[in-house]
Amino acid sequence: MSELEKIEKIAQGIMAGYYGEKQKCGTEYQKWTYAVLQADKIYKGDYIVNKETNDYGYDYVQQILQS
């Protein structure tokens, strides 16, 4: 899986509400952009999904990063 595919997959998890913060207002494009920006930071390690507070989200992200 390429870097962009991984970021997109992580963003899909944010949009689904698995982890991160979904933007509550704005157009769908703005919400998606916000999710992609968070996903990029998760991918680069700037943001971390905490295993202790969100076990499912942590496992989801780790599967994507290791693929």
N, C-alpha and C. Protein backbone atom coordinates (compact mmCIF):
# COMPACT_ATOMS: atom_id res chain seq x y z
N MET A 1 0.85 -1.16 0.00
CA MET A 1 0.00 0.00 0.00
C MET A 1 0.90 1.24 0.00
N SER A 2 0.59 2.19 -0.85
CA SER A 2 1.42 3.40 -0.94
C SER A 2 1.12 4.35 0.22
N GLU A 3 1.95 5.36 0.37
CA GLU A 3 1.78 6.35 1.43
C GLU A 3 0.41 7.03 1.32
N LEU A 4 0.04 7.43 0.11
CA LEU A 4 -1.24 8.10 -0.08
C LEU A 4 -2.42 7.20 0.24
N GLU A 5 -2.33 5.93 -0.12
CA GLU A 5 -3.40 4.99 0.20
C GLU A 5 -3.55 4.80 1.70
N LYS A 6 -2.42 4.76 2.41
CA LYS A 6 -2.46 4.61 3.86
C LYS A 6 -3.10 5.83 4.51
N ILE A 7 -2.73 7.02 4.05
CA ILE A 7 -3.30 8.25 4.60
C ILE A 7 -4.80 8.29 4.33
N GLU A 8 -5.21 7.89 3.13
CA GLU A 8 -6.63 7.87 2.78
C GLU A 8 -7.39 6.89 3.68
N LYS A 9 -6.81 5.73 3.92
CA LYS A 9 -7.45 4.71 4.76
C LYS A 9 -7.58 5.20 6.21
N ILE A 10 -6.56 5.86 6.70
CA ILE A 10 -6.61 6.43 8.05
C ILE A 10 -7.69 7.51 8.11
N ALA A 11 -7.78 8.35 7.07
CA ALA A 11 -8.81 9.39 7.01
C ALA A 11 -10.21 8.78 7.00
N GLN A 12 -10.37 7.65 6.33
CA GLN A 12 -11.67 6.98 6.32
C GLN A 12 -12.04 6.54 7.74
N GLY A 13 -11.08 6.10 8.52
CA GLY A 13 -11.33 5.74 9.91
C GLY A 13 -11.75 6.94 10.74
N ILE A 14 -11.16 8.09 10.47
CA ILE A 14 -11.55 9.32 11.17
C ILE A 14 -12.98 9.68 10.81
N MET A 15 -13.31 9.62 9.52
CA MET A 15 -14.67 9.94 9.07
C MET A 15 -15.69 8.96 9.65
N ALA A 16 -15.29 7.73 9.88
CA ALA A 16 -16.19 6.72 10.45
C ALA A 16 -16.33 6.89 11.96
N GLY A 17 -15.46 7.72 12.55
CA GLY A 17 -15.54 7.98 13.99
C GLY A 17 -14.76 7.00 14.84
N TYR A 18 -13.84 6.23 14.25
CA TYR A 18 -13.05 5.26 15.02
C TYR A 18 -12.07 5.95 15.95
N TYR A 19 -11.55 7.10 15.56
CA TYR A 19 -10.55 7.85 16.33
C TYR A 19 -10.46 9.23 15.72
N GLY A 20 -9.68 10.10 16.33
CA GLY A 20 -9.52 11.45 15.80
C GLY A 20 -10.77 12.28 16.07
N GLU A 21 -10.82 13.43 15.45
CA GLU A 21 -11.95 14.33 15.65
C GLU A 21 -12.54 14.69 14.30
N LYS A 22 -13.80 14.34 14.12
CA LYS A 22 -14.50 14.64 12.87
C LYS A 22 -15.05 16.06 12.95
N GLN A 23 -14.80 16.84 11.93
CA GLN A 23 -15.31 18.20 11.88
C GLN A 23 -16.83 18.15 11.82
N LYS A 24 -17.49 18.97 12.61
CA LYS A 24 -18.94 18.90 12.73
C LYS A 24 -19.69 19.82 11.76
N CYS A 25 -19.05 20.84 11.27
CA CYS A 25 -19.74 21.74 10.35
C CYS A 25 -18.90 21.93 9.09
N GLY A 26 -19.55 22.45 8.06
CA GLY A 26 -18.87 22.66 6.79
C GLY A 26 -19.35 21.67 5.75
N THR A 27 -18.83 21.80 4.55
CA THR A 27 -19.21 20.91 3.46
C THR A 27 -18.51 19.56 3.65
N GLU A 28 -18.98 18.57 2.92
CA GLU A 28 -18.34 17.26 2.99
C GLU A 28 -16.88 17.34 2.54
N TYR A 29 -16.60 18.19 1.57
CA TYR A 29 -15.22 18.38 1.11
C TYR A 29 -14.36 18.93 2.24
N GLN A 30 -14.89 19.91 3.00
CA GLN A 30 -14.13 20.48 4.12
C GLN A 30 -13.90 19.44 5.22
N LYS A 31 -14.92 18.62 5.49
CA LYS A 31 -14.79 17.57 6.49
C LYS A 31 -13.74 16.55 6.07
N TRP A 32 -13.76 16.17 4.79
CA TRP A 32 -12.79 15.21 4.28
C TRP A 32 -11.38 15.78 4.35
N THR A 33 -11.22 17.05 3.98
CA THR A 33 -9.91 17.70 4.03
C THR A 33 -9.37 17.72 5.46
N TYR A 34 -10.22 18.04 6.42
CA TYR A 34 -9.82 18.05 7.83
C TYR A 34 -9.37 16.66 8.26
N ALA A 35 -10.11 15.63 7.84
CA ALA A 35 -9.75 14.25 8.18
C ALA A 35 -8.42 13.86 7.55
N VAL A 36 -8.19 14.25 6.31
CA VAL A 36 -6.94 13.92 5.61
C VAL A 36 -5.76 14.60 6.29
N LEU A 37 -5.93 15.84 6.73
CA LEU A 37 -4.85 16.54 7.42
C LEU A 37 -4.50 15.84 8.73
N GLN A 38 -5.51 15.39 9.47
CA GLN A 38 -5.25 14.62 10.70
C GLN A 38 -4.57 13.30 10.37
N ALA A 39 -5.05 12.63 9.33
CA ALA A 39 -4.50 11.33 8.93
C ALA A 39 -3.02 11.46 8.56
N ASP A 40 -2.68 12.53 7.88
CA ASP A 40 -1.29 12.76 7.51
C ASP A 40 -0.42 12.90 8.76
N LYS A 41 -0.93 13.60 9.76
CA LYS A 41 -0.17 13.77 11.01
C LYS A 41 -0.05 12.45 11.76
N ILE A 42 -1.11 11.62 11.72
CA ILE A 42 -1.03 10.30 12.34
C ILE A 42 0.00 9.45 11.61
N TYR A 43 -0.02 9.50 10.29
CA TYR A 43 0.92 8.71 9.48
C TYR A 43 2.37 9.11 9.78
N LYS A 44 2.61 10.42 9.90
CA LYS A 44 3.96 10.91 10.15
C LYS A 44 4.39 10.77 11.61
N GLY A 45 3.45 10.45 12.50
CA GLY A 45 3.78 10.28 13.91
C GLY A 45 3.62 11.52 14.75
N ASP A 46 3.10 12.61 14.16
CA ASP A 46 2.86 13.83 14.93
C ASP A 46 1.69 13.65 15.90
N TYR A 47 0.68 12.91 15.46
CA TYR A 47 -0.47 12.55 16.30
C TYR A 47 -0.38 11.06 16.57
N ILE A 48 -0.77 10.65 17.76
CA ILE A 48 -0.73 9.23 18.13
C ILE A 48 -2.12 8.80 18.60
N VAL A 49 -2.58 7.66 18.11
CA VAL A 49 -3.83 7.08 18.60
C VAL A 49 -3.44 6.26 19.83
N ASN A 50 -3.96 6.65 20.98
CA ASN A 50 -3.59 6.05 22.26
C ASN A 50 -4.27 4.69 22.43
N LYS A 51 -3.49 3.65 22.62
CA LYS A 51 -4.03 2.31 22.79
C LYS A 51 -4.86 2.18 24.06
N GLU A 52 -4.49 2.90 25.10
CA GLU A 52 -5.21 2.79 26.37
C GLU A 52 -6.60 3.40 26.30
N THR A 53 -6.79 4.44 25.52
CA THR A 53 -8.09 5.10 25.45
C THR A 53 -8.90 4.67 24.23
N ASN A 54 -8.25 4.11 23.22
CA ASN A 54 -8.96 3.73 22.01
C ASN A 54 -8.29 2.50 21.40
N ASP A 55 -8.55 1.36 21.99
CA ASP A 55 -7.90 0.11 21.59
C ASP A 55 -8.22 -0.25 20.13
N TYR A 56 -9.49 -0.13 19.73
CA TYR A 56 -9.87 -0.48 18.36
C TYR A 56 -9.20 0.45 17.35
N GLY A 57 -9.25 1.76 17.63
CA GLY A 57 -8.63 2.72 16.73
C GLY A 57 -7.13 2.51 16.59
N TYR A 58 -6.48 2.19 17.70
CA TYR A 58 -5.04 1.93 17.69
C TYR A 58 -4.72 0.73 16.79
N ASP A 59 -5.47 -0.36 16.98
CA ASP A 59 -5.25 -1.56 16.16
C ASP A 59 -5.51 -1.30 14.69
N TYR A 60 -6.55 -0.54 14.40
CA TYR A 60 -6.91 -0.18 13.02
C TYR A 60 -5.76 0.57 12.34
N VAL A 61 -5.24 1.57 13.03
CA VAL A 61 -4.14 2.36 12.47
C VAL A 61 -2.88 1.51 12.31
N GLN A 62 -2.56 0.69 13.29
CA GLN A 62 -1.36 -0.14 13.21
C GLN A 62 -1.43 -1.11 12.03
N GLN A 63 -2.60 -1.67 11.77
CA GLN A 63 -2.75 -2.56 10.61
C GLN A 63 -2.47 -1.82 9.31
N ILE A 64 -2.95 -0.59 9.23
CA ILE A 64 -2.73 0.21 8.02
C ILE A 64 -1.25 0.56 7.88
N LEU A 65 -0.64 1.01 8.95
CA LEU A 65 0.77 1.42 8.89
C LEU A 65 1.71 0.26 8.57
N GLN A 66 1.35 -0.95 8.99
CA GLN A 66 2.21 -2.10 8.76
C GLN A 66 1.95 -2.80 7.43
N SER A 67 0.92 -2.37 6.72
CA SER A 67 0.59 -3.02 5.43
C SER A 67 1.46 -2.48 4.30
